[in-house]
């Protein structure tokens, strides 16, 4: 079985003049190395495709794959994570993780919160701010929390994201939409504990493999899980595996979110508690990082005793089960040994 790898390599974009923060969501060489080595150890043939521009050229040249393991983040727009899956759909090539609809929806933090809220899952009250006028009309009680509406890896989050005055709301929102070129999500600040839940599988077969509490240390600026905190997590953050009732509550909410959204194969759901200890939905990440050491999903797997090889095997198995009919068609056309 031939598995193609689609990804955005951070090093390539840095060499083209992009900044460290601009490329924060892109993958390091060691992630691609680890994925390829792991897939080969599982008996698969691999092919490094690269980003959407490379994929377009390869498809145009007639190249095809039995399955594509897709972790490409994309460059521009609310649909950037959906671009590679949409292209693969057009060519009827099976791939891992969620489809273009889910990836576009979850990238926009306001849109996904509307869907989750309509499904009866609690999430903080929020507003979308695109101008000074919008900021002045925000009718939520202070304190608030502000972040770009469509960024990952905590980009745009800093100590200034905690809003305590109306003047600060306007100035912070203006700074964020100017810097990131997108609207700002403003939501009620949640002062309680924060968890990220790792999920494997699709639909009724999805399971929560673990919930990890994110504890920002006292030496982190403003006690916020910021872009800087994530970059220096070994120094500024403590991760602790949840258990007992807190694990069950987090797992139940996260799985409900996962199934409502129709997310697939693997990812994470982030939750945080309000002042009364009630967990609320923050964000969904259906295209979670797969760095074997530093990515949250891989850390959760490691905490529960699951190896990186077992994690990747579970992801590929989930995708293969979903796409079995299509993969078997490719197998027949390519003379793949189906017993592998």
Protein backbone atom coordinates (compact mmCIF):
# COMPACT_ATOMS: atom_id res chain seq x y z
CA UNK A 1 0.00 0.00 0.00
CA UNK A 2 1.43 3.35 -1.07
CA UNK A 3 0.87 6.27 1.32
CA UNK A 4 1.63 9.81 0.22
CA UNK A 5 2.56 12.51 2.75
CA UNK A 6 1.23 16.07 2.35
CA UNK A 7 2.58 18.76 4.65
CA UNK A 8 3.91 22.30 4.85
CA UNK A 9 7.59 22.20 5.76
CA UNK A 10 8.48 25.06 8.06
CA UNK A 11 12.06 25.29 6.87
CA UNK A 12 10.99 25.98 3.27
CA UNK A 13 8.83 28.94 4.25
CA UNK A 14 11.48 30.36 6.60
CA UNK A 15 13.98 30.27 3.73
CA UNK A 16 11.44 32.21 1.64
CA UNK A 17 11.39 35.03 4.19
CA UNK A 18 8.45 34.17 6.44
CA UNK A 19 8.85 34.71 10.19
CA UNK A 20 8.99 32.18 13.03
CA UNK A 21 5.46 33.10 14.13
CA UNK A 22 4.05 33.02 10.59
CA UNK A 23 5.34 29.47 10.18
CA UNK A 24 4.47 28.28 13.69
CA UNK A 25 1.85 25.78 12.51
CA UNK A 26 4.05 24.25 9.82
CA UNK A 27 5.97 21.04 10.36
CA UNK A 28 9.62 20.49 11.13
CA UNK A 29 11.74 18.03 9.17
CA UNK A 30 11.89 15.68 12.15
CA UNK A 31 8.08 15.31 12.10
CA UNK A 32 8.10 14.20 8.46
CA UNK A 33 11.08 11.91 9.11
CA UNK A 34 9.28 10.32 12.06
CA UNK A 35 6.06 9.82 10.10
CA UNK A 36 7.82 8.27 7.13
CA UNK A 37 9.99 5.98 9.24
CA UNK A 38 6.97 4.87 11.27
CA UNK A 39 4.82 4.17 8.22
CA UNK A 40 7.65 2.18 6.64
CA UNK A 41 8.08 0.18 9.84
CA UNK A 42 4.38 -0.67 9.58
CA UNK A 43 5.00 -2.10 6.13
CA UNK A 44 3.78 0.76 3.94
CA UNK A 45 5.49 2.28 0.93
CA UNK A 46 5.78 6.05 1.39
CA UNK A 47 6.06 9.04 -0.91
CA UNK A 48 6.86 12.56 0.32
CA UNK A 49 4.58 14.87 -1.66
CA UNK A 50 4.89 18.12 0.30
CA UNK A 51 2.62 21.16 0.10
CA UNK A 52 -0.37 21.88 -2.10
CA UNK A 53 1.79 23.30 -4.87
CA UNK A 54 3.80 20.08 -5.05
CA UNK A 55 0.60 18.04 -4.83
CA UNK A 56 -0.89 19.95 -7.76
CA UNK A 57 2.14 19.26 -9.92
CA UNK A 58 2.22 15.59 -8.97
CA UNK A 59 -1.47 15.10 -9.71
CA UNK A 60 -1.07 16.87 -13.03
CA UNK A 61 1.78 14.49 -13.87
CA UNK A 62 -0.52 11.52 -13.23
CA UNK A 63 0.80 10.42 -9.82
CA UNK A 64 -1.66 8.68 -7.50
CA UNK A 65 -1.60 7.10 -4.03
CA UNK A 66 -3.65 4.46 -2.22
CA UNK A 67 -3.97 6.81 0.76
CA UNK A 68 -2.60 10.24 1.66
CA UNK A 69 -1.63 11.07 5.22
CA UNK A 70 -2.44 14.77 5.20
CA UNK A 71 -1.10 17.26 7.74
CA UNK A 72 -0.87 20.29 5.41
CA UNK A 73 -1.94 23.52 7.13
CA UNK A 74 -2.13 25.73 4.04
CA UNK A 75 -1.23 29.38 3.68
CA UNK A 76 -4.19 31.68 3.12
CA UNK A 77 -7.84 32.12 3.98
CA UNK A 78 -10.36 30.43 6.26
CA UNK A 79 -10.23 27.37 3.99
CA UNK A 80 -6.45 26.94 4.06
CA UNK A 81 -6.55 23.64 5.98
CA UNK A 82 -9.24 22.38 3.60
CA UNK A 83 -7.33 23.02 0.36
CA UNK A 84 -5.39 19.75 0.17
CA UNK A 85 -8.38 17.56 1.18
CA UNK A 86 -10.59 19.35 -1.37
CA UNK A 87 -8.03 18.69 -4.10
CA UNK A 88 -7.74 15.04 -3.08
CA UNK A 89 -11.55 14.75 -3.10
CA UNK A 90 -11.59 16.11 -6.65
CA UNK A 91 -9.26 13.28 -7.70
CA UNK A 92 -11.09 10.72 -5.54
CA UNK A 93 -7.98 9.91 -3.52
CA UNK A 94 -8.56 8.73 0.08
CA UNK A 95 -6.84 10.66 2.89
CA UNK A 96 -6.53 10.76 6.67
CA UNK A 97 -8.34 13.18 8.94
CA UNK A 98 -11.33 15.41 8.39
CA UNK A 99 -12.93 16.64 5.20
CA UNK A 100 -12.89 20.22 3.80
CA UNK A 101 -16.16 21.19 5.50
CA UNK A 102 -14.96 20.25 8.99
CA UNK A 103 -11.51 21.78 8.51
CA UNK A 104 -12.93 25.10 7.28
CA UNK A 105 -15.52 25.20 10.03
CA UNK A 106 -13.16 24.46 12.90
CA UNK A 107 -10.51 26.91 11.69
CA UNK A 108 -13.02 29.74 12.18
CA UNK A 109 -13.46 29.80 15.95
CA UNK A 110 -16.68 31.81 15.80
CA UNK A 111 -18.43 29.56 13.28
CA UNK A 112 -17.57 26.34 15.09
CA UNK A 113 -18.77 27.79 18.39
CA UNK A 114 -22.13 28.59 16.80
CA UNK A 115 -22.52 24.97 15.65
CA UNK A 116 -21.44 23.57 19.01
CA UNK A 117 -23.70 25.97 20.90
CA UNK A 118 -26.69 25.06 18.70
CA UNK A 119 -26.05 21.40 19.55
CA UNK A 120 -26.53 22.25 23.23
CA UNK A 121 -22.86 22.00 24.21
CA UNK A 122 -21.78 24.82 26.55
CA UNK A 123 -19.26 27.36 25.25
CA UNK A 124 -18.40 30.85 26.55
CA UNK A 125 -20.49 33.75 25.27
CA UNK A 126 -18.66 35.41 22.41
CA UNK A 127 -18.69 38.13 19.77
CA UNK A 128 -16.83 38.56 16.47
CA UNK A 129 -15.07 41.93 16.22
CA UNK A 130 -13.89 43.41 12.91
CA UNK A 131 -13.79 47.15 13.67
CA UNK A 132 -13.68 49.72 16.46
CA UNK A 133 -17.44 50.02 16.12
CA UNK A 134 -17.85 46.27 16.69
CA UNK A 135 -15.60 46.44 19.75
CA UNK A 136 -17.64 49.28 21.24
CA UNK A 137 -20.83 47.24 20.79
CA UNK A 138 -19.55 44.18 22.68
CA UNK A 139 -22.08 43.71 25.48
CA UNK A 140 -20.34 40.95 27.46
CA UNK A 141 -19.26 41.41 31.06
CA UNK A 142 -15.56 41.89 31.81
CA UNK A 143 -13.11 40.21 31.97
CA UNK A 144 -12.94 39.00 28.39
CA UNK A 145 -10.47 37.11 26.24
CA UNK A 146 -9.47 38.11 22.70
CA UNK A 147 -7.67 36.13 19.99
CA UNK A 148 -7.54 35.92 16.18
CA UNK A 149 -10.56 34.04 14.85
CA UNK A 150 -8.61 31.64 12.62
CA UNK A 151 -5.15 30.90 13.97
CA UNK A 152 -3.65 27.87 15.70
CA UNK A 153 -0.66 27.17 17.97
CA UNK A 154 -1.91 30.02 20.21
CA UNK A 155 -0.78 32.60 17.63
CA UNK A 156 -1.91 36.06 18.67
CA UNK A 157 -2.45 35.05 22.29
CA UNK A 158 -0.46 36.92 24.93
CA UNK A 159 -0.96 38.59 28.28
CA UNK A 160 -2.79 41.37 26.43
CA UNK A 161 -5.46 38.86 25.41
CA UNK A 162 -7.03 39.10 28.88
CA UNK A 163 -9.29 42.15 28.61
CA UNK A 164 -10.16 44.07 31.78
CA UNK A 165 -11.32 47.46 30.39
CA UNK A 166 -13.38 48.65 27.43
CA UNK A 167 -10.45 50.74 26.23
CA UNK A 168 -8.22 47.67 26.23
CA UNK A 169 -10.83 45.73 24.27
CA UNK A 170 -10.66 48.29 21.47
CA UNK A 171 -6.87 48.59 21.44
CA UNK A 172 -6.22 44.83 21.63
CA UNK A 173 -8.79 44.02 18.95
CA UNK A 174 -7.32 46.67 16.67
CA UNK A 175 -3.81 45.30 17.18
CA UNK A 176 -4.91 41.74 16.42
CA UNK A 177 -6.90 42.37 13.26
CA UNK A 178 -4.18 44.67 11.96
CA UNK A 179 -1.42 42.14 12.59
CA UNK A 180 -3.25 38.99 11.49
CA UNK A 181 -5.59 40.39 8.85
CA UNK A 182 -8.70 38.68 10.20
CA UNK A 183 -11.56 39.24 12.66
CA UNK A 184 -11.07 38.81 16.40
CA UNK A 185 -12.96 36.40 18.63
CA UNK A 186 -13.91 38.05 21.94
CA UNK A 187 -15.35 35.71 24.55
CA UNK A 188 -16.08 35.59 28.25
CA UNK A 189 -12.86 34.86 30.12
CA UNK A 190 -12.82 31.48 31.82
CA UNK A 191 -10.64 31.46 34.97
CA UNK A 192 -10.71 27.72 35.64
CA UNK A 193 -8.67 24.66 34.69
CA UNK A 194 -7.86 23.92 31.05
CA UNK A 195 -7.86 20.50 29.38
CA UNK A 196 -7.13 19.15 25.93
CA UNK A 197 -8.70 15.81 25.05
CA UNK A 198 -7.07 13.43 22.57
CA UNK A 199 -9.47 11.55 20.31
CA UNK A 200 -9.02 8.60 17.95
CA UNK A 201 -11.60 7.34 15.48
CA UNK A 202 -14.68 8.51 13.67
CA UNK A 203 -18.36 8.77 14.60
CA UNK A 204 -19.62 6.07 16.96
CA UNK A 205 -16.20 4.42 16.80
CA UNK A 206 -14.41 7.48 18.18
CA UNK A 207 -12.85 7.21 21.64
CA UNK A 208 -11.20 9.70 23.96
CA UNK A 209 -7.76 8.27 24.69
CA UNK A 210 -7.00 10.75 27.46
CA UNK A 211 -7.47 14.27 28.79
CA UNK A 212 -4.41 16.35 29.60
CA UNK A 213 -4.61 19.31 31.94
CA UNK A 214 -2.60 22.32 30.81
CA UNK A 215 -1.10 24.12 33.82
CA UNK A 216 0.63 27.39 33.03
CA UNK A 217 3.47 27.93 35.52
CA UNK A 218 3.91 31.07 37.60
CA UNK A 219 6.94 32.14 35.53
CA UNK A 220 4.80 32.42 32.37
CA UNK A 221 3.69 35.95 31.54
CA UNK A 222 0.19 36.70 32.90
CA UNK A 223 -0.45 32.98 33.43
CA UNK A 224 -1.76 32.63 29.87
CA UNK A 225 -1.30 29.60 27.58
CA UNK A 226 0.16 31.84 24.90
CA UNK A 227 2.18 31.39 21.73
CA UNK A 228 5.34 31.88 23.81
CA UNK A 229 4.17 29.35 26.41
CA UNK A 230 3.63 26.73 23.71
CA UNK A 231 7.01 27.40 22.12
CA UNK A 232 8.72 27.04 25.52
CA UNK A 233 6.33 24.54 27.08
CA UNK A 234 9.04 22.54 28.85
CA UNK A 235 9.95 25.67 30.81
CA UNK A 236 6.60 27.43 31.16
CA UNK A 237 3.91 24.73 31.16
CA UNK A 238 3.15 21.56 33.11
CA UNK A 239 1.05 18.83 31.53
CA UNK A 240 -0.86 16.48 33.81
CA UNK A 241 -3.00 13.49 32.81
CA UNK A 242 -6.56 13.80 34.12
CA UNK A 243 -8.30 10.92 35.84
CA UNK A 244 -11.51 10.07 37.67
CA UNK A 245 -14.62 12.27 37.30
CA UNK A 246 -12.71 15.12 35.61
CA UNK A 247 -11.52 12.74 32.89
CA UNK A 248 -15.01 11.38 32.33
CA UNK A 249 -16.56 14.84 32.09
CA UNK A 250 -13.90 16.11 29.69
CA UNK A 251 -14.11 12.95 27.55
CA UNK A 252 -17.91 13.09 27.34
CA UNK A 253 -17.96 16.72 26.19
CA UNK A 254 -15.08 16.27 23.74
CA UNK A 255 -16.62 13.19 22.12
CA UNK A 256 -19.95 14.96 21.82
CA UNK A 257 -18.23 17.86 20.04
CA UNK A 258 -16.25 15.47 17.80
CA UNK A 259 -19.36 13.62 16.67
CA UNK A 260 -21.48 16.74 16.21
CA UNK A 261 -18.82 18.20 13.93
CA UNK A 262 -18.24 14.98 12.01
CA UNK A 263 -14.49 15.05 12.65
CA UNK A 264 -12.50 11.96 11.66
CA UNK A 265 -9.61 9.67 12.58
CA UNK A 266 -7.76 11.72 15.23
CA UNK A 267 -7.47 15.15 16.79
CA UNK A 268 -8.06 17.16 19.93
CA UNK A 269 -10.81 19.15 21.64
CA UNK A 270 -9.89 21.95 24.07
CA UNK A 271 -12.00 22.74 27.14
CA UNK A 272 -11.78 25.17 30.03
CA UNK A 273 -13.70 25.59 33.28
CA UNK A 274 -15.65 28.65 34.37
CA UNK A 275 -15.59 30.11 37.88
CA UNK A 276 -17.91 27.35 39.10
CA UNK A 277 -15.75 24.55 37.72
CA UNK A 278 -18.05 23.71 34.78
CA UNK A 279 -16.15 22.68 31.64
CA UNK A 280 -16.95 24.58 28.45
CA UNK A 281 -15.89 24.07 24.84
CA UNK A 282 -13.04 26.28 23.58
CA UNK A 283 -11.76 24.90 20.27
CA UNK A 284 -11.58 21.76 18.15
CA UNK A 285 -8.42 20.70 16.36
CA UNK A 286 -9.17 18.01 13.76
CA UNK A 287 -5.71 18.42 12.21
CA UNK A 288 -3.56 17.95 15.29
CA UNK A 289 0.22 18.11 15.19
CA UNK A 290 2.13 14.82 14.95
CA UNK A 291 5.60 15.74 16.15
CA UNK A 292 6.54 12.62 18.15
CA UNK A 293 7.84 14.60 21.14
CA UNK A 294 6.25 18.06 21.25
CA UNK A 295 2.71 17.72 19.82
CA UNK A 296 -0.12 17.56 22.36
CA UNK A 297 -1.84 14.51 20.86
CA UNK A 298 1.44 12.60 20.91
CA UNK A 299 2.12 13.71 24.49
CA UNK A 300 -1.31 12.42 25.57
CA UNK A 301 -0.67 9.11 23.80
CA UNK A 302 2.70 8.80 25.51
CA UNK A 303 1.13 9.55 28.91
CA UNK A 304 -1.29 6.64 28.55
CA UNK A 305 1.42 4.25 27.37
CA UNK A 306 0.66 4.36 23.65
CA UNK A 307 3.74 4.44 21.43
CA UNK A 308 4.10 6.77 18.46
CA UNK A 309 3.96 3.75 16.17
CA UNK A 310 0.69 2.61 17.75
CA UNK A 311 -0.77 6.11 17.38
CA UNK A 312 0.08 6.39 13.68
CA UNK A 313 -1.15 2.83 13.10
CA UNK A 314 -4.48 3.74 14.74
CA UNK A 315 -4.84 6.84 12.55
CA UNK A 316 -4.10 4.98 9.33
CA UNK A 317 -6.38 2.11 10.38
CA UNK A 318 -9.24 4.52 11.07
CA UNK A 319 -8.84 6.17 7.67
CA UNK A 320 -8.46 2.81 5.92
CA UNK A 321 -11.66 1.53 7.52
CA UNK A 322 -13.59 4.63 6.42
CA UNK A 323 -12.19 4.48 2.90
CA UNK A 324 -11.97 0.70 2.52
CA UNK A 325 -13.99 0.48 -0.70
CA UNK A 326 -12.02 3.25 -2.38
CA UNK A 327 -8.68 1.88 -1.16
CA UNK A 328 -9.51 -1.59 -2.44
CA UNK A 329 -10.26 -0.07 -5.85
CA UNK A 330 -6.83 1.56 -5.88
CA UNK A 331 -5.30 -1.69 -4.67
CA UNK A 332 -6.73 -3.64 -7.59
CA UNK A 333 -5.60 -0.97 -10.05
CA UNK A 334 -2.08 -0.87 -8.64
CA UNK A 335 -1.68 -4.64 -7.97
CA UNK A 336 -1.21 -3.91 -4.24
CA UNK A 337 -1.04 -7.00 -2.04
CA UNK A 338 -4.25 -6.65 -0.01
CA UNK A 339 -2.99 -9.03 2.69
CA UNK A 340 -0.48 -6.40 3.85
